[in-house]
């Protein structure tokens, strides 16, 4: 940024994580081979990654859902040429025997210090 610009407001990725707008899932992403710092939006996390009540006996957990998401995402990425943006549909179990197809968007861009970071979100979460 050049000095002729007047910065009015800035909201960093670190602040968004601290505020809970973004949820750090880097450790879970690394388990499936991702090397970048990775977050999901709070909307994606609370709407789909946290299993709805009533699924306790169905083997559903946040860690399992994250693993499934990152496995599907990694497979989709491996099938693409180099890209920093990917959309994929994922099925989430929302009630016994009821799945919901959800469009997930994954974007790789610069973090607060220019390092590559990945954000996974729902449509409209940007």
Protein backbone atom coordinates (compact mmCIF):
# COMPACT_ATOMS: atom_id res chain seq x y z
CA UNK A 1 0.00 0.00 0.00
CA UNK A 2 1.36 3.42 -0.81
CA UNK A 3 1.36 6.33 1.66
CA UNK A 4 -1.27 8.29 -0.29
CA UNK A 5 -3.96 5.86 0.88
CA UNK A 6 -5.78 6.48 4.14
CA UNK A 7 -6.47 3.15 5.83
CA UNK A 8 -9.81 3.43 7.61
CA UNK A 9 -10.21 -0.10 8.96
CA UNK A 10 -8.39 -3.41 8.86
CA UNK A 11 -9.58 -6.81 10.14
CA UNK A 12 -6.88 -9.46 10.15
CA UNK A 13 -7.24 -13.20 9.87
CA UNK A 14 -5.79 -13.50 13.38
CA UNK A 15 -8.51 -11.18 14.72
CA UNK A 16 -11.21 -13.21 12.93
CA UNK A 17 -9.88 -16.40 14.55
CA UNK A 18 -9.75 -14.72 17.96
CA UNK A 19 -13.33 -13.48 17.49
CA UNK A 20 -14.56 -16.93 16.42
CA UNK A 21 -15.55 -15.80 12.91
CA UNK A 22 -12.95 -18.24 11.58
CA UNK A 23 -12.11 -21.52 13.30
CA UNK A 24 -8.57 -22.87 13.11
CA UNK A 25 -8.57 -26.49 11.89
CA UNK A 26 -4.94 -26.61 10.78
CA UNK A 27 -4.11 -29.69 12.89
CA UNK A 28 -6.97 -31.69 11.35
CA UNK A 29 -6.07 -30.51 7.83
CA UNK A 30 -2.45 -31.59 8.32
CA UNK A 31 -3.65 -35.10 9.22
CA UNK A 32 -4.92 -35.45 5.63
CA UNK A 33 -1.87 -33.93 3.97
CA UNK A 34 -2.52 -30.18 3.81
CA UNK A 35 0.49 -27.99 4.54
CA UNK A 36 -1.18 -24.57 4.80
CA UNK A 37 -2.71 -22.91 7.84
CA UNK A 38 -6.41 -23.81 7.44
CA UNK A 39 -9.62 -22.35 8.82
CA UNK A 40 -13.33 -22.90 8.30
CA UNK A 41 -15.99 -20.26 8.72
CA UNK A 42 -18.07 -20.33 11.86
CA UNK A 43 -21.17 -20.85 9.69
CA UNK A 44 -19.74 -23.99 8.07
CA UNK A 45 -18.47 -25.27 11.41
CA UNK A 46 -21.66 -24.77 13.43
CA UNK A 47 -24.11 -25.68 10.66
CA UNK A 48 -22.46 -28.80 9.21
CA UNK A 49 -19.21 -29.82 10.90
CA UNK A 50 -20.75 -30.02 14.37
CA UNK A 51 -23.09 -33.01 14.16
CA UNK A 52 -26.73 -32.17 14.88
CA UNK A 53 -28.30 -33.54 18.06
CA UNK A 54 -29.59 -37.07 17.68
CA UNK A 55 -26.63 -38.39 15.71
CA UNK A 56 -24.59 -39.56 18.70
CA UNK A 57 -25.29 -43.22 17.90
CA UNK A 58 -24.53 -42.71 14.20
CA UNK A 59 -20.75 -42.39 14.67
CA UNK A 60 -20.72 -38.67 13.88
CA UNK A 61 -18.13 -36.29 15.35
CA UNK A 62 -16.48 -32.98 14.46
CA UNK A 63 -13.14 -34.72 13.91
CA UNK A 64 -14.73 -37.35 11.67
CA UNK A 65 -16.61 -34.78 9.62
CA UNK A 66 -13.44 -32.67 9.24
CA UNK A 67 -11.48 -35.75 8.17
CA UNK A 68 -14.12 -36.60 5.58
CA UNK A 69 -14.23 -33.00 4.30
CA UNK A 70 -10.45 -32.75 3.95
CA UNK A 71 -10.18 -36.18 2.32
CA UNK A 72 -12.80 -35.20 -0.29
CA UNK A 73 -11.16 -31.80 -0.77
CA UNK A 74 -7.70 -33.32 -1.20
CA UNK A 75 -9.04 -35.80 -3.78
CA UNK A 76 -10.76 -32.99 -5.68
CA UNK A 77 -7.61 -30.85 -5.64
CA UNK A 78 -5.46 -33.71 -6.93
CA UNK A 79 -7.80 -33.96 -9.93
CA UNK A 80 -7.34 -30.28 -10.85
CA UNK A 81 -4.64 -28.25 -12.47
CA UNK A 82 -3.06 -25.65 -10.20
CA UNK A 83 -5.83 -23.55 -8.69
CA UNK A 84 -6.43 -21.36 -5.67
CA UNK A 85 -10.23 -21.76 -5.75
CA UNK A 86 -12.32 -24.91 -5.70
CA UNK A 87 -15.99 -25.70 -5.20
CA UNK A 88 -17.21 -29.17 -4.32
CA UNK A 89 -20.41 -30.76 -3.11
CA UNK A 90 -20.28 -32.71 0.13
CA UNK A 91 -22.99 -34.85 1.71
CA UNK A 92 -23.51 -34.36 5.44
CA UNK A 93 -25.65 -36.64 7.58
CA UNK A 94 -28.15 -34.26 9.23
CA UNK A 95 -30.52 -36.77 10.83
CA UNK A 96 -30.70 -40.57 10.82
CA UNK A 97 -31.01 -41.59 7.15
CA UNK A 98 -31.19 -37.93 5.95
CA UNK A 99 -28.25 -36.39 4.09
CA UNK A 100 -27.86 -32.84 2.87
CA UNK A 101 -25.76 -31.92 -0.17
CA UNK A 102 -23.72 -28.80 0.61
CA UNK A 103 -21.54 -26.68 -1.70
CA UNK A 104 -18.17 -26.08 -0.02
CA UNK A 105 -15.75 -23.44 -1.31
CA UNK A 106 -12.03 -23.71 -0.59
CA UNK A 107 -9.80 -20.72 -1.28
CA UNK A 108 -6.03 -20.41 -0.90
CA UNK A 109 -4.78 -16.87 -0.56
CA UNK A 110 -2.35 -14.71 1.37
CA UNK A 111 -2.49 -14.68 5.16
CA UNK A 112 -1.79 -11.73 7.42
CA UNK A 113 1.92 -11.87 6.55
CA UNK A 114 1.63 -12.96 2.91
CA UNK A 115 1.97 -16.70 3.67
CA UNK A 116 -0.37 -19.14 1.87
CA UNK A 117 -3.47 -20.00 3.90
CA UNK A 118 -6.64 -21.95 3.11
CA UNK A 119 -10.20 -21.01 4.02
CA UNK A 120 -13.15 -23.39 3.65
CA UNK A 121 -16.62 -21.85 3.61
CA UNK A 122 -20.21 -22.08 2.50
CA UNK A 123 -21.55 -20.03 -0.39
CA UNK A 124 -22.18 -16.51 0.90
CA UNK A 125 -19.68 -16.75 3.78
CA UNK A 126 -17.11 -14.47 2.17
